[in-house]
Amino acid sequence: MEQYSLGAEDVAAGASTWPRRYTIVLLFALATALCYVDRVNISIAIIPLARANGYDAARTGLVLSSFFWGYMCPRCLAVGWPTVLAASACSPRE
């Protein structure tokens, strides 16, 4: 029966028991929470901001709708990218 000894590289590689995918999920959750905190803050701050700068209802609505446009524009642009990337990955290269 052979005995295996662990080298320094093996010990260092096994020392991290936290998988990388958990870190990525945690960072995405943190970014999402930050987006919601920002959305709440601008909803609260728009009232004194509108009073101080003399914004009318239309301009206030434009500021509040900036989150919608910030979410929708990148998503609309990203709709075609998987098709383009898949087509270029499958096309024969000469």
Foldseek 3Di string as FASTA:
>chain_A
DDDDDDDPVRCVVVVDPDDPVVVVVVVVVVVVVVLVVVLVVLVVVLVVVCVVVVPDPVVSVVSNCVVVCVVPPVVVVCPCVVVVVVVVVPDDDD
